[in-house]
Amino acid sequence: MLSESELRGDRLIALRQMEGLTQADLAAHLGIGQAFISRIEKEDKPLPLELAHEAAAEFDLPVEFFTVARDVAEVGTPTFRKTSKATVRAELKVVRAFHEAARLFRMASERSGYRAADIYQTVSDDVEETAANLRSMLGIAPGDPLPNATRAAERLGVGVIHELLPEVDEDGDHHGISCPSTSVDRPLVATVGAQPPAVARLTVMHELGHVIFDRDLGAPIRSTRDPREVRAYRFAGAMLVPAPVVKRRVTESLTLHGYLRIKADYGVSVAAIVKRASDLGVITPQRARSLYIQMSSQGWRTNEPVAVAPERHLLLGQAAQHGISANGREVARVAGTPFQRTYQWTGLDDLDRATVDNVVPLRRRGA
């Protein structure tokens, strides 16, 4: 049984961010004054146990949500793939959900005995070389496709969540998020909403690039032209379509249908392949611009031909099941994470039944 001394008033801020609420909104939900909420959040007053239970019931949370201290997973600076239309409130909501999920992954991974991320010794100043090193670690031949980008990240010890907050990203303004930090050895990357599988693969590798290269990031990246953002895109392209493949299969005169064949083989959108070929100097900027215009005229910018198999994350659910419980409700209580989000992120429900497949080959400590 929790005592009032275990409760943290600043978790009301986390709740508001997660729900997209102002102090006045939260006060109205709980039937109390805004000034009272403000004093609790500033920790001028303790969070009453009765109020914590009321908030937990109102927002479908375990009351343990209000006992959680700031986690090491929150130390880093969030990086986004997003559009300029993304709102501040939506961004706060995405960041808060990511921090909750990252804490859950760190806890589950540590308790399960799965190894920490083993990637940083492969990093060099050359993005193409770093990608080649990681592909080699994964046992993928230089010219072969990356069969499953999600599984590749998980095999490296990096957690993945697809559709972290699908309802927030209905307009496609947020694509992916990570929070690189030197303090985190069990990092998480996530896509935010539903994306075409080819785009989701690129997003996962893009955020993995941030995790690898931007562990000392001091402030958020605000521009897609920022060199660190450009580097993450370049890394994602190198992981998915190695330079020798692009140079062998792409020419200045290659038609869009020729690009579709590469997409079918490598699971990358035509738009991304064109960008990759342009970055590598295989095609001229003028040719790239012409191809983009052709894609737009045919409606490919939003609906490309050639289906790519969707990927789903497994490691988080497995770690939670092995390290905490097969009961999703118990996992939420232990981690202090929202019930429905915990079920969604782990694939575990509240009926002592796991719904994830145990197929990710991971070494245990000491193995």
Protein backbone atom coordinates (compact mmCIF):
# COMPACT_ATOMS: atom_id res chain seq x y z
CA MET A 1 0.00 0.00 0.00
CA LEU A 2 1.45 3.33 -1.07
CA SER A 3 1.94 6.13 1.41
CA GLU A 4 1.55 9.82 0.65
CA SER A 5 5.28 10.37 1.25
CA GLU A 6 6.07 8.21 -1.81
CA LEU A 7 4.06 10.45 -4.16
CA ARG A 8 5.68 13.08 -6.37
CA GLY A 9 3.72 16.21 -7.19
CA ASP A 10 5.81 16.97 -10.27
CA ARG A 11 4.31 13.90 -11.92
CA LEU A 12 1.18 15.99 -12.45
CA ILE A 13 3.26 17.88 -15.02
CA ALA A 14 4.06 14.61 -16.75
CA LEU A 15 0.37 13.72 -16.70
CA ARG A 16 -0.60 17.06 -18.23
CA GLN A 17 2.01 16.76 -20.96
CA MET A 18 0.93 13.23 -21.74
CA GLU A 19 -2.72 14.24 -22.01
CA GLY A 20 -2.11 17.61 -23.68
CA LEU A 21 -3.76 19.53 -20.81
CA THR A 22 -3.21 22.92 -19.18
CA GLN A 23 -3.26 23.30 -15.40
CA ALA A 24 -6.81 24.64 -15.71
CA ASP A 25 -7.85 21.61 -17.79
CA LEU A 26 -6.43 19.17 -15.24
CA ALA A 27 -8.02 21.07 -12.35
CA ALA A 28 -11.40 20.84 -14.09
CA HIS A 29 -10.97 17.09 -14.63
CA LEU A 30 -10.20 16.57 -10.96
CA GLY A 31 -12.68 19.07 -9.55
CA ILE A 32 -10.12 21.18 -7.71
CA GLY A 33 -8.64 24.66 -8.09
CA GLN A 34 -5.87 25.49 -10.54
CA ALA A 35 -3.87 27.18 -7.77
CA PHE A 36 -3.86 23.92 -5.82
CA ILE A 37 -2.53 22.05 -8.88
CA SER A 38 0.17 24.69 -9.30
CA ARG A 39 1.35 24.37 -5.70
CA ILE A 40 1.51 20.58 -5.93
CA GLU A 41 3.48 20.70 -9.19
CA LYS A 42 5.96 23.11 -7.59
CA GLU A 43 6.08 20.73 -4.61
CA ASP A 44 5.01 23.53 -2.26
CA LYS A 45 2.30 21.08 -1.12
CA PRO A 46 2.36 17.27 -1.09
CA LEU A 47 0.24 15.36 -3.56
CA PRO A 48 -2.66 13.94 -1.49
CA LEU A 49 -3.02 10.17 -1.80
CA GLU A 50 -6.76 10.52 -2.43
CA LEU A 51 -6.10 12.94 -5.31
CA ALA A 52 -3.51 10.58 -6.80
CA HIS A 53 -6.07 7.77 -6.78
CA GLU A 54 -8.68 10.05 -8.36
CA ALA A 55 -6.27 11.09 -11.11
CA ALA A 56 -5.25 7.47 -11.68
CA ALA A 57 -8.89 6.44 -12.12
CA GLU A 58 -9.70 9.45 -14.33
CA PHE A 59 -6.80 8.86 -16.72
CA ASP A 60 -6.49 5.04 -16.55
CA LEU A 61 -3.14 5.05 -14.78
CA PRO A 62 -1.64 2.91 -12.06
CA VAL A 63 -1.31 5.06 -8.94
CA GLU A 64 2.37 4.11 -9.07
CA PHE A 65 2.63 6.59 -11.95
CA PHE A 66 2.83 9.28 -9.27
CA THR A 67 5.84 7.70 -7.53
CA VAL A 68 8.22 7.80 -10.50
CA ALA A 69 11.37 9.90 -10.18
CA ARG A 70 13.07 11.50 -13.17
CA ASP A 71 14.77 8.69 -15.04
CA VAL A 72 18.18 8.57 -16.73
CA ALA A 73 16.30 8.04 -20.00
CA GLU A 74 15.12 11.67 -19.75
CA VAL A 75 18.62 13.12 -19.56
CA GLY A 76 19.28 13.33 -23.31
CA THR A 77 17.94 15.82 -25.84
CA PRO A 78 15.01 14.59 -27.96
CA THR A 79 15.54 14.43 -31.71
CA PHE A 80 12.60 14.42 -34.11
CA ARG A 81 11.70 13.63 -37.64
CA LYS A 82 8.80 16.07 -37.97
CA THR A 83 7.30 18.71 -40.24
CA SER A 84 7.24 22.45 -39.62
CA LYS A 85 3.49 22.18 -38.90
CA ALA A 86 4.00 20.15 -35.72
CA THR A 87 2.56 22.01 -32.71
CA VAL A 88 4.33 22.60 -29.40
CA ARG A 89 1.57 20.84 -27.46
CA ALA A 90 1.77 17.78 -29.70
CA GLU A 91 5.56 17.80 -29.38
CA LEU A 92 5.36 17.86 -25.58
CA LYS A 93 2.91 14.97 -25.72
CA VAL A 94 5.20 12.92 -27.96
CA VAL A 95 8.27 13.64 -25.82
CA ARG A 96 6.46 12.70 -22.60
CA ALA A 97 5.15 9.45 -24.08
CA PHE A 98 8.64 8.67 -25.34
CA HIS A 99 10.18 9.24 -21.90
CA GLU A 100 7.60 6.93 -20.32
CA ALA A 101 8.30 4.26 -22.93
CA ALA A 102 12.07 4.69 -22.68
CA ARG A 103 11.95 4.21 -18.91
CA LEU A 104 9.87 1.09 -19.38
CA PHE A 105 12.32 -0.29 -21.94
CA ARG A 106 15.38 0.45 -19.79
CA MET A 107 13.80 -1.18 -16.75
CA ALA A 108 12.55 -4.22 -18.64
CA SER A 109 15.84 -4.71 -20.49
CA GLU A 110 17.92 -4.51 -17.31
CA ARG A 111 15.64 -6.82 -15.33
CA SER A 112 15.49 -9.38 -18.13
CA GLY A 113 19.29 -9.56 -18.32
CA TYR A 114 19.39 -8.64 -22.00
CA ARG A 115 22.60 -6.96 -23.06
CA ALA A 116 22.99 -3.22 -23.42
CA ALA A 117 23.44 -1.60 -26.82
CA ASP A 118 26.72 -2.72 -28.37
CA ILE A 119 27.20 -0.24 -31.19
CA TYR A 120 29.47 2.63 -30.27
CA GLN A 121 32.79 0.94 -30.98
CA THR A 122 31.76 0.80 -34.66
CA VAL A 123 31.39 4.58 -35.00
CA SER A 124 33.78 6.58 -37.15
CA ASP A 125 33.64 10.07 -38.61
CA ASP A 126 32.63 8.50 -41.92
CA VAL A 127 28.89 7.75 -42.02
CA GLU A 128 29.21 5.21 -44.82
CA GLU A 129 31.95 3.36 -42.93
CA THR A 130 29.92 3.34 -39.72
CA ALA A 131 26.91 1.87 -41.54
CA ALA A 132 29.14 -0.75 -43.19
CA ASN A 133 30.57 -1.68 -39.77
CA LEU A 134 27.11 -2.13 -38.28
CA ARG A 135 25.88 -4.15 -41.25
CA SER A 136 28.93 -6.39 -40.83
CA MET A 137 28.15 -6.81 -37.11
CA LEU A 138 24.67 -7.93 -38.14
CA GLY A 139 26.11 -10.47 -40.60
CA ILE A 140 24.73 -8.71 -43.68
CA ALA A 141 26.84 -8.88 -46.82
CA PRO A 142 27.87 -5.50 -48.28
CA GLY A 143 25.42 -5.56 -51.17
CA ASP A 144 22.55 -7.41 -49.52
CA PRO A 145 19.28 -5.80 -48.40
CA LEU A 146 18.60 -5.21 -44.71
CA PRO A 147 15.77 -7.74 -44.30
CA ASN A 148 14.16 -6.14 -41.25
CA ALA A 149 15.33 -2.74 -40.00
CA THR A 150 13.41 -3.06 -36.74
CA ARG A 151 14.93 -6.42 -35.92
CA ALA A 152 18.38 -5.13 -36.84
CA ALA A 153 18.10 -2.31 -34.29
CA GLU A 154 16.79 -4.73 -31.66
CA ARG A 155 19.62 -7.17 -32.27
CA LEU A 156 22.01 -4.30 -31.55
CA GLY A 157 20.32 -3.81 -28.16
CA VAL A 158 18.27 -0.77 -29.20
CA GLY A 159 14.58 -0.83 -28.35
CA VAL A 160 12.04 0.07 -31.03
CA ILE A 161 8.40 1.11 -30.82
CA HIS A 162 6.24 1.51 -33.89
CA GLU A 163 3.30 3.94 -33.57
CA LEU A 164 4.23 5.40 -30.20
CA LEU A 165 1.23 7.76 -30.31
CA PRO A 166 -0.75 7.08 -33.49
CA GLU A 167 -3.61 9.45 -32.64
CA VAL A 168 -1.20 12.40 -32.26
CA ASP A 169 0.24 11.88 -35.73
CA GLU A 170 -2.96 11.66 -37.78
CA ASP A 171 -1.71 14.51 -39.97
CA GLY A 172 1.77 12.99 -40.30
CA ASP A 173 3.51 15.94 -38.62
CA HIS A 174 5.69 13.77 -36.37
CA HIS A 175 7.60 10.86 -37.87
CA GLY A 176 10.15 9.58 -35.38
CA ILE A 177 11.84 10.33 -32.07
CA SER A 178 14.91 9.32 -30.10
CA CYS A 179 16.76 10.78 -27.12
CA PRO A 180 20.49 10.15 -27.52
CA SER A 181 22.66 10.44 -24.42
CA THR A 182 26.00 9.20 -23.13
CA SER A 183 24.16 8.21 -19.93
CA VAL A 184 21.83 5.75 -21.66
CA ASP A 185 23.15 2.33 -22.68
CA ARG A 186 19.72 0.88 -23.52
CA PRO A 187 18.36 3.48 -25.94
CA LEU A 188 14.94 3.52 -27.56
CA VAL A 189 13.83 4.79 -30.97
CA ALA A 190 10.25 5.16 -32.13
CA THR A 191 8.02 6.00 -35.03
CA VAL A 192 5.19 8.22 -33.83
CA GLY A 193 2.22 7.37 -36.03
CA ALA A 194 1.27 5.02 -38.84
CA GLN A 195 3.68 5.24 -41.77
CA PRO A 196 4.14 3.30 -45.00
CA PRO A 197 6.51 0.44 -44.15
CA ALA A 198 9.25 1.77 -46.44
CA VAL A 199 9.11 5.12 -44.62
CA ALA A 200 9.01 3.46 -41.18
CA ARG A 201 12.20 1.51 -42.00
CA LEU A 202 13.95 4.75 -42.90
CA THR A 203 12.65 6.45 -39.74
CA VAL A 204 13.99 3.68 -37.50
CA MET A 205 17.43 3.85 -39.11
CA HIS A 206 17.37 7.67 -39.05
CA GLU A 207 16.75 7.73 -35.30
CA LEU A 208 19.36 5.02 -34.80
CA GLY A 209 21.76 7.41 -36.53
CA HIS A 210 20.97 10.08 -33.94
CA VAL A 211 21.49 7.56 -31.12
CA ILE A 212 24.90 6.68 -32.52
CA PHE A 213 26.26 10.07 -33.55
CA ASP A 214 24.49 12.63 -31.33
CA ARG A 215 25.01 11.39 -27.78
CA ASP A 216 26.45 14.78 -26.80
CA LEU A 217 23.60 16.80 -28.29
CA GLY A 218 23.07 19.90 -26.15
CA ALA A 219 19.97 21.42 -27.75
CA PRO A 220 17.15 20.19 -30.01
CA ILE A 221 17.77 20.10 -33.74
CA ARG A 222 15.35 22.57 -35.29
CA SER A 223 16.14 22.37 -39.00
CA THR A 224 16.20 19.57 -41.54
CA ARG A 225 19.29 21.29 -42.96
CA ASP A 226 21.19 20.96 -39.71
CA PRO A 227 24.37 18.92 -40.41
CA ARG A 228 23.42 16.43 -37.69
CA GLU A 229 20.01 15.87 -39.28
CA VAL A 230 21.61 15.50 -42.70
CA ARG A 231 24.03 12.97 -41.21
CA ALA A 232 21.19 10.91 -39.72
CA TYR A 233 19.49 10.77 -43.13
CA ARG A 234 22.75 9.79 -44.77
CA PHE A 235 23.31 7.05 -42.20
CA ALA A 236 19.79 5.67 -42.73
CA GLY A 237 20.35 5.56 -46.47
CA ALA A 238 23.72 3.84 -46.03
CA MET A 239 22.18 1.18 -43.79
CA LEU A 240 19.33 0.47 -46.18
CA VAL A 241 20.91 0.97 -49.62
CA PRO A 242 24.72 0.79 -49.48
CA ALA A 243 26.66 3.10 -51.79
CA PRO A 244 28.02 0.29 -54.03
CA VAL A 245 24.43 -0.83 -54.71
CA VAL A 246 23.34 2.67 -55.69
CA LYS A 247 26.37 3.13 -57.94
CA ARG A 248 25.79 -0.22 -59.61
CA ARG A 249 22.03 0.05 -60.14
CA VAL A 250 21.29 3.74 -60.61
CA THR A 251 22.19 5.80 -63.67
CA GLU A 252 21.33 9.32 -64.76
CA SER A 253 18.79 7.91 -67.23
CA LEU A 254 17.14 5.36 -64.93
CA THR A 255 13.35 5.73 -65.08
CA LEU A 256 10.99 5.74 -62.11
CA HIS A 257 10.04 2.15 -62.88
CA GLY A 258 13.70 1.23 -62.60
CA TYR A 259 13.73 2.81 -59.14
CA LEU A 260 10.68 0.69 -58.24
CA ARG A 261 12.73 -2.45 -58.81
CA ILE A 262 15.32 -1.20 -56.33
CA LYS A 263 12.54 -0.39 -53.88
CA ALA A 264 11.21 -3.95 -54.21
CA ASP A 265 14.65 -5.36 -53.44
CA TYR A 266 15.71 -3.01 -50.64
CA GLY A 267 12.48 -1.87 -48.97
CA VAL A 268 13.17 1.85 -49.40
CA SER A 269 10.87 4.45 -50.96
CA VAL A 270 11.65 5.72 -54.43
CA ALA A 271 11.92 9.24 -53.01
CA ALA A 272 14.60 8.07 -50.56
CA ILE A 273 16.52 6.22 -53.28
CA VAL A 274 16.51 9.31 -55.50
CA LYS A 275 17.78 11.38 -52.57
CA ARG A 276 20.46 8.79 -51.85
CA ALA A 277 21.60 8.73 -55.48
CA SER A 278 21.75 12.53 -55.54
CA ASP A 279 23.72 12.68 -52.27
CA LEU A 280 26.25 10.20 -53.65
CA GLY A 281 26.62 12.17 -56.89
CA VAL A 282 25.32 9.28 -58.98
CA ILE A 283 22.63 11.54 -60.49
CA THR A 284 22.67 15.30 -60.90
CA PRO A 285 20.48 17.63 -58.81
CA GLN A 286 18.61 18.48 -62.01
CA ARG A 287 17.79 14.81 -62.63
CA ALA A 288 16.67 14.37 -59.02
CA ARG A 289 14.39 17.41 -59.35
CA SER A 290 12.91 15.99 -62.57
CA LEU A 291 12.21 12.65 -60.89
CA TYR A 292 10.53 14.36 -57.91
CA ILE A 293 8.29 16.29 -60.31
CA GLN A 294 7.38 13.06 -62.12
CA MET A 295 6.59 11.39 -58.78
CA SER A 296 4.33 14.26 -57.75
CA SER A 297 2.47 14.26 -61.05
CA GLN A 298 1.75 10.54 -60.66
CA GLY A 299 0.68 10.85 -57.01
CA TRP A 300 3.67 8.87 -55.76
CA ARG A 301 4.69 11.36 -53.08
CA THR A 302 1.84 10.10 -50.92
CA ASN A 303 1.12 6.68 -52.43
CA GLU A 304 4.05 4.92 -54.04
CA PRO A 305 3.59 1.64 -55.93
CA VAL A 306 5.24 -1.60 -54.73
CA ALA A 307 4.29 -2.87 -51.30
CA VAL A 308 6.94 -3.28 -48.61
CA ALA A 309 6.29 -5.72 -45.78
CA PRO A 310 5.37 -4.00 -42.50
CA GLU A 311 7.63 -4.52 -39.49
CA ARG A 312 6.68 -4.79 -35.83
CA HIS A 313 8.75 -4.41 -32.71
CA LEU A 314 9.32 -7.37 -30.41
CA LEU A 315 12.18 -6.65 -28.01
CA LEU A 316 10.29 -4.38 -25.61
CA GLY A 317 7.50 -6.92 -25.13
CA GLN A 318 9.93 -9.78 -24.67
CA ALA A 319 12.02 -7.86 -22.16
CA ALA A 320 8.92 -6.82 -20.19
CA GLN A 321 7.62 -10.37 -20.18
CA HIS A 322 10.92 -11.92 -19.09
CA GLY A 323 12.03 -9.18 -16.72
CA ILE A 324 8.80 -7.98 -15.13
CA SER A 325 5.65 -9.97 -15.90
CA ALA A 326 3.59 -11.51 -18.69
CA ASN A 327 0.68 -9.50 -17.29
CA GLY A 328 0.62 -6.09 -18.94
CA ARG A 329 -1.24 -4.55 -16.03
CA GLU A 330 1.48 -5.62 -13.61
CA VAL A 331 4.13 -4.29 -16.00
CA ALA A 332 2.38 -0.90 -15.95
CA ARG A 333 2.26 -0.89 -12.14
CA VAL A 334 5.95 -1.77 -11.78
CA ALA A 335 7.09 0.77 -14.37
CA GLY A 336 4.53 3.44 -13.46
CA THR A 337 3.35 3.72 -17.07
CA PRO A 338 -0.23 4.24 -18.37
CA PHE A 339 -2.17 0.99 -18.70
CA GLN A 340 -3.36 1.28 -22.30
CA ARG A 341 -0.02 2.59 -23.56
CA THR A 342 1.78 -0.25 -21.82
CA TYR A 343 -0.47 -2.82 -23.51
CA GLN A 344 0.05 -1.10 -26.86
CA TRP A 345 3.83 -0.76 -26.57
CA THR A 346 4.57 -4.23 -25.18
CA GLY A 347 1.89 -6.35 -26.86
CA LEU A 348 1.02 -7.70 -23.38
CA ASP A 349 -2.53 -7.49 -22.05
CA ASP A 350 -3.91 -7.76 -18.51
CA LEU A 351 -4.92 -11.42 -18.70
CA ASP A 352 -1.55 -13.04 -17.94
CA ARG A 353 -1.18 -13.77 -21.61
CA ALA A 354 1.71 -12.64 -23.83
CA THR A 355 0.93 -11.72 -27.42
CA VAL A 356 4.49 -11.21 -28.65
CA ASP A 357 6.54 -13.81 -30.46
CA ASN A 358 9.72 -14.96 -28.77
CA VAL A 359 11.96 -14.82 -31.82
CA VAL A 360 14.59 -12.15 -31.20
CA PRO A 361 17.94 -13.87 -30.57
CA LEU A 362 19.55 -11.90 -27.74
CA ARG A 363 22.43 -12.84 -25.50
CA ARG A 364 21.84 -12.82 -21.75
CA ARG A 365 24.55 -11.46 -19.47
CA GLY A 366 27.18 -14.09 -18.89
CA ALA A 367 26.11 -16.07 -21.98
